[in-house]
Amino acid sequence: MKRLIIPAVIALGFAFIGQANAAIETYTVDLNGYVVVAFVGATPAEVAQAEHLAKSWEAQRHLMLKPQSMKAIAVRQSATVALTQAQLRSAIVGAALAKGP
């Protein structure tokens, strides 16, 4: 019986891992052929997860596993102040330009 329970528990664990990214919003901004991918989080846990995703993406990009014309950043959005799409786009572009290559 143990042999059936352990794989079932592991399979359920893998099924819920993919749902951990549900709180992070992902935006892409096209800057005439150069694309910025922004992971946006509002709570401290979401911001930490967004930073982890952006660092992982950038590490893969520097290893030539991701396209060189795409850059990933993490953006913190206030939970109390909602940004319009234009404000969010300018924040993403500003953060990407401030971060450097």
N, C-alpha and C. Protein backbone atom coordinates (compact mmCIF):
# COMPACT_ATOMS: atom_id res chain seq x y z
N MET A 1 0.81 -1.19 0.00
CA MET A 1 0.00 0.00 0.00
C MET A 1 0.86 1.27 0.00
N LYS A 2 2.00 1.22 0.74
CA LYS A 2 2.88 2.39 0.77
C LYS A 2 3.43 2.70 -0.62
N ARG A 3 3.63 1.67 -1.40
CA ARG A 3 4.19 1.88 -2.73
C ARG A 3 3.24 2.65 -3.62
N LEU A 4 1.95 2.62 -3.35
CA LEU A 4 0.98 3.36 -4.15
C LEU A 4 0.75 4.76 -3.61
N ILE A 5 0.88 4.94 -2.31
CA ILE A 5 0.59 6.24 -1.70
C ILE A 5 1.71 7.25 -1.99
N ILE A 6 2.94 6.84 -1.87
CA ILE A 6 4.05 7.78 -2.05
C ILE A 6 4.07 8.38 -3.46
N PRO A 7 3.96 7.61 -4.54
CA PRO A 7 3.91 8.24 -5.86
C PRO A 7 2.68 9.12 -6.06
N ALA A 8 1.57 8.77 -5.44
CA ALA A 8 0.37 9.59 -5.56
C ALA A 8 0.57 10.94 -4.88
N VAL A 9 1.21 10.94 -3.72
CA VAL A 9 1.48 12.20 -3.01
C VAL A 9 2.46 13.06 -3.81
N ILE A 10 3.48 12.44 -4.38
CA ILE A 10 4.45 13.18 -5.20
C ILE A 10 3.77 13.77 -6.43
N ALA A 11 2.89 13.01 -7.06
CA ALA A 11 2.18 13.50 -8.24
C ALA A 11 1.28 14.68 -7.88
N LEU A 12 0.63 14.64 -6.73
CA LEU A 12 -0.20 15.76 -6.30
C LEU A 12 0.66 17.00 -6.01
N GLY A 13 1.84 16.78 -5.45
CA GLY A 13 2.74 17.90 -5.18
C GLY A 13 3.16 18.59 -6.46
N PHE A 14 3.49 17.81 -7.50
CA PHE A 14 3.85 18.40 -8.78
C PHE A 14 2.66 19.09 -9.44
N ALA A 15 1.47 18.62 -9.19
CA ALA A 15 0.28 19.25 -9.78
C ALA A 15 0.05 20.63 -9.19
N PHE A 16 0.40 20.84 -7.93
CA PHE A 16 0.17 22.14 -7.30
C PHE A 16 1.33 23.11 -7.46
N ILE A 17 2.50 22.64 -7.87
CA ILE A 17 3.65 23.53 -8.06
C ILE A 17 3.37 24.55 -9.15
N GLY A 18 2.74 24.15 -10.23
CA GLY A 18 2.45 25.06 -11.34
C GLY A 18 1.49 26.16 -10.97
N GLN A 19 0.71 25.98 -9.93
CA GLN A 19 -0.25 26.99 -9.53
C GLN A 19 0.37 28.06 -8.64
N ALA A 20 1.62 27.89 -8.23
CA ALA A 20 2.29 28.88 -7.39
C ALA A 20 2.54 30.17 -8.16
N ASN A 21 2.67 30.11 -9.48
CA ASN A 21 2.92 31.29 -10.30
C ASN A 21 1.65 32.05 -10.65
N ALA A 22 0.51 31.60 -10.18
CA ALA A 22 -0.76 32.22 -10.57
C ALA A 22 -0.87 33.65 -10.06
N ALA A 23 -0.22 33.98 -8.95
CA ALA A 23 -0.34 35.32 -8.38
C ALA A 23 0.53 36.34 -9.11
N ILE A 24 1.53 35.88 -9.82
CA ILE A 24 2.44 36.77 -10.54
C ILE A 24 1.84 37.10 -11.89
N GLU A 25 1.77 38.40 -12.19
CA GLU A 25 1.30 38.84 -13.51
C GLU A 25 2.52 39.01 -14.41
N THR A 26 2.36 38.63 -15.65
CA THR A 26 3.45 38.75 -16.61
C THR A 26 3.02 39.68 -17.75
N TYR A 27 3.85 40.65 -18.05
CA TYR A 27 3.59 41.60 -19.13
C TYR A 27 4.76 41.59 -20.08
N THR A 28 4.49 41.81 -21.33
CA THR A 28 5.55 41.98 -22.33
C THR A 28 5.36 43.32 -23.01
N VAL A 29 6.46 44.01 -23.21
CA VAL A 29 6.46 45.31 -23.89
C VAL A 29 7.44 45.20 -25.05
N ASP A 30 6.94 45.47 -26.26
CA ASP A 30 7.77 45.41 -27.46
C ASP A 30 8.32 46.80 -27.74
N LEU A 31 9.63 46.91 -27.79
CA LEU A 31 10.29 48.18 -28.06
C LEU A 31 11.02 48.09 -29.39
N ASN A 32 10.26 47.99 -30.48
CA ASN A 32 10.80 47.90 -31.83
C ASN A 32 11.81 46.76 -31.98
N GLY A 33 11.38 45.56 -31.67
CA GLY A 33 12.23 44.40 -31.83
C GLY A 33 12.92 43.93 -30.57
N TYR A 34 12.98 44.77 -29.56
CA TYR A 34 13.57 44.41 -28.28
C TYR A 34 12.42 44.24 -27.30
N VAL A 35 12.28 43.08 -26.70
CA VAL A 35 11.12 42.78 -25.86
C VAL A 35 11.54 42.75 -24.40
N VAL A 36 10.72 43.40 -23.56
CA VAL A 36 10.93 43.38 -22.12
C VAL A 36 9.81 42.55 -21.51
N VAL A 37 10.19 41.52 -20.75
CA VAL A 37 9.23 40.68 -20.04
C VAL A 37 9.27 41.11 -18.58
N ALA A 38 8.12 41.53 -18.06
CA ALA A 38 8.06 42.00 -16.69
C ALA A 38 7.20 41.07 -15.85
N PHE A 39 7.75 40.64 -14.73
CA PHE A 39 7.01 39.86 -13.76
C PHE A 39 6.60 40.82 -12.66
N VAL A 40 5.30 40.98 -12.44
CA VAL A 40 4.77 42.00 -11.54
C VAL A 40 4.16 41.32 -10.32
N GLY A 41 4.55 41.78 -9.14
CA GLY A 41 3.99 41.28 -7.89
C GLY A 41 3.58 42.43 -7.00
N ALA A 42 2.58 42.20 -6.15
CA ALA A 42 2.09 43.25 -5.26
C ALA A 42 2.51 43.01 -3.81
N THR A 43 2.40 41.80 -3.32
CA THR A 43 2.77 41.49 -1.94
C THR A 43 4.26 41.18 -1.88
N PRO A 44 4.86 41.23 -0.69
CA PRO A 44 6.28 40.91 -0.59
C PRO A 44 6.63 39.50 -1.10
N ALA A 45 5.75 38.54 -0.88
CA ALA A 45 6.01 37.19 -1.37
C ALA A 45 5.96 37.14 -2.89
N GLU A 46 5.00 37.86 -3.48
CA GLU A 46 4.89 37.90 -4.94
C GLU A 46 6.09 38.62 -5.55
N VAL A 47 6.55 39.69 -4.90
CA VAL A 47 7.70 40.43 -5.40
C VAL A 47 8.95 39.55 -5.35
N ALA A 48 9.12 38.79 -4.27
CA ALA A 48 10.26 37.89 -4.16
C ALA A 48 10.19 36.82 -5.25
N GLN A 49 9.00 36.31 -5.50
CA GLN A 49 8.85 35.31 -6.55
C GLN A 49 9.11 35.92 -7.93
N ALA A 50 8.65 37.15 -8.14
CA ALA A 50 8.90 37.83 -9.42
C ALA A 50 10.39 38.07 -9.62
N GLU A 51 11.10 38.46 -8.57
CA GLU A 51 12.54 38.66 -8.67
C GLU A 51 13.26 37.35 -8.98
N HIS A 52 12.80 36.28 -8.36
CA HIS A 52 13.40 34.97 -8.63
C HIS A 52 13.19 34.56 -10.09
N LEU A 53 11.98 34.77 -10.61
CA LEU A 53 11.69 34.43 -12.00
C LEU A 53 12.52 35.27 -12.95
N ALA A 54 12.65 36.56 -12.65
CA ALA A 54 13.44 37.44 -13.53
C ALA A 54 14.92 37.07 -13.51
N LYS A 55 15.45 36.76 -12.32
CA LYS A 55 16.86 36.35 -12.24
C LYS A 55 17.10 35.04 -12.98
N SER A 56 16.16 34.13 -12.85
CA SER A 56 16.28 32.85 -13.56
C SER A 56 16.26 33.06 -15.07
N TRP A 57 15.34 33.91 -15.53
CA TRP A 57 15.22 34.21 -16.96
C TRP A 57 16.51 34.85 -17.47
N GLU A 58 17.04 35.81 -16.71
CA GLU A 58 18.27 36.50 -17.13
C GLU A 58 19.47 35.56 -17.13
N ALA A 59 19.54 34.65 -16.17
CA ALA A 59 20.63 33.68 -16.16
C ALA A 59 20.57 32.80 -17.40
N GLN A 60 19.36 32.38 -17.78
CA GLN A 60 19.22 31.58 -18.98
C GLN A 60 19.55 32.38 -20.23
N ARG A 61 19.21 33.67 -20.22
CA ARG A 61 19.52 34.53 -21.37
C ARG A 61 21.02 34.70 -21.53
N HIS A 62 21.74 34.86 -20.43
CA HIS A 62 23.19 35.02 -20.49
C HIS A 62 23.89 33.73 -20.90
N LEU A 63 23.24 32.60 -20.68
CA LEU A 63 23.78 31.31 -21.12
C LEU A 63 23.33 30.95 -22.53
N MET A 64 22.69 31.89 -23.20
CA MET A 64 22.20 31.73 -24.57
C MET A 64 21.08 30.68 -24.68
N LEU A 65 20.33 30.47 -23.61
CA LEU A 65 19.20 29.56 -23.64
C LEU A 65 17.90 30.29 -23.94
N LYS A 66 17.88 31.59 -23.76
CA LYS A 66 16.74 32.45 -24.09
C LYS A 66 17.18 33.42 -25.18
N PRO A 67 16.23 33.98 -25.93
CA PRO A 67 16.60 34.95 -26.98
C PRO A 67 17.31 36.17 -26.38
N GLN A 68 18.33 36.65 -27.08
CA GLN A 68 19.09 37.79 -26.60
C GLN A 68 18.32 39.10 -26.73
N SER A 69 17.27 39.11 -27.55
CA SER A 69 16.49 40.33 -27.74
C SER A 69 15.39 40.48 -26.69
N MET A 70 15.37 39.61 -25.69
CA MET A 70 14.37 39.68 -24.63
C MET A 70 15.06 39.89 -23.29
N LYS A 71 14.50 40.77 -22.49
CA LYS A 71 15.06 41.08 -21.18
C LYS A 71 13.97 40.87 -20.14
N ALA A 72 14.30 40.32 -18.99
CA ALA A 72 13.32 40.07 -17.93
C ALA A 72 13.63 40.96 -16.73
N ILE A 73 12.57 41.52 -16.15
CA ILE A 73 12.71 42.34 -14.96
C ILE A 73 11.58 42.00 -13.99
N ALA A 74 11.78 42.39 -12.75
CA ALA A 74 10.73 42.26 -11.73
C ALA A 74 10.26 43.65 -11.37
N VAL A 75 8.94 43.80 -11.27
CA VAL A 75 8.35 45.10 -10.96
C VAL A 75 7.45 44.93 -9.74
N ARG A 76 7.57 45.86 -8.81
CA ARG A 76 6.69 45.85 -7.64
C ARG A 76 5.56 46.83 -7.87
N GLN A 77 4.34 46.31 -7.80
CA GLN A 77 3.16 47.15 -7.95
C GLN A 77 2.51 47.27 -6.58
N SER A 78 2.15 48.47 -6.20
CA SER A 78 1.50 48.69 -4.92
C SER A 78 0.16 47.99 -4.89
N ALA A 79 -0.14 47.35 -3.78
CA ALA A 79 -1.43 46.65 -3.64
C ALA A 79 -2.57 47.64 -3.46
N THR A 80 -2.26 48.87 -3.06
CA THR A 80 -3.32 49.85 -2.81
C THR A 80 -3.55 50.80 -3.98
N VAL A 81 -2.55 50.97 -4.83
CA VAL A 81 -2.68 51.89 -5.96
C VAL A 81 -2.63 51.10 -7.26
N ALA A 82 -3.71 51.12 -8.00
CA ALA A 82 -3.75 50.41 -9.28
C ALA A 82 -3.19 51.32 -10.37
N LEU A 83 -2.31 50.78 -11.17
CA LEU A 83 -1.72 51.53 -12.27
C LEU A 83 -2.53 51.29 -13.54
N THR A 84 -2.60 52.32 -14.37
CA THR A 84 -3.21 52.14 -15.68
C THR A 84 -2.22 51.40 -16.57
N GLN A 85 -2.68 50.95 -17.72
CA GLN A 85 -1.79 50.23 -18.63
C GLN A 85 -0.64 51.12 -19.09
N ALA A 86 -0.91 52.39 -19.34
CA ALA A 86 0.15 53.30 -19.78
C ALA A 86 1.18 53.52 -18.67
N GLN A 87 0.72 53.68 -17.43
CA GLN A 87 1.64 53.86 -16.31
C GLN A 87 2.48 52.61 -16.07
N LEU A 88 1.84 51.46 -16.19
CA LEU A 88 2.56 50.21 -16.01
C LEU A 88 3.60 50.02 -17.11
N ARG A 89 3.24 50.36 -18.35
CA ARG A 89 4.18 50.24 -19.47
C ARG A 89 5.38 51.15 -19.26
N SER A 90 5.14 52.40 -18.83
CA SER A 90 6.26 53.32 -18.62
C SER A 90 7.12 52.87 -17.44
N ALA A 91 6.52 52.26 -16.43
CA ALA A 91 7.30 51.73 -15.31
C ALA A 91 8.17 50.57 -15.75
N ILE A 92 7.63 49.70 -16.60
CA ILE A 92 8.39 48.56 -17.10
C ILE A 92 9.56 49.03 -17.96
N VAL A 93 9.30 49.96 -18.87
CA VAL A 93 10.36 50.47 -19.73
C VAL A 93 11.42 51.19 -18.91
N GLY A 94 11.00 52.00 -17.93
CA GLY A 94 11.94 52.70 -17.08
C GLY A 94 12.81 51.75 -16.27
N ALA A 95 12.20 50.69 -15.74
CA ALA A 95 12.97 49.71 -14.97
C ALA A 95 13.94 48.95 -15.85
N ALA A 96 13.53 48.64 -17.07
CA ALA A 96 14.41 47.91 -17.98
C ALA A 96 15.61 48.78 -18.39
N LEU A 97 15.37 50.06 -18.63
CA LEU A 97 16.46 50.94 -19.02
C LEU A 97 17.40 51.23 -17.86
N ALA A 98 16.87 51.28 -16.64
CA ALA A 98 17.70 51.54 -15.47
C ALA A 98 18.57 50.34 -15.11
N LYS A 99 18.10 49.14 -15.44
CA LYS A 99 18.83 47.93 -15.07
C LYS A 99 20.06 47.70 -15.92
N GLY A 100 20.03 48.09 -17.17
CA GLY A 100 21.18 47.89 -18.05
C GLY A 100 21.10 46.55 -18.75
N PRO A 101 22.12 46.21 -19.56
CA PRO A 101 22.09 44.97 -20.36
C PRO A 101 22.21 43.72 -19.56
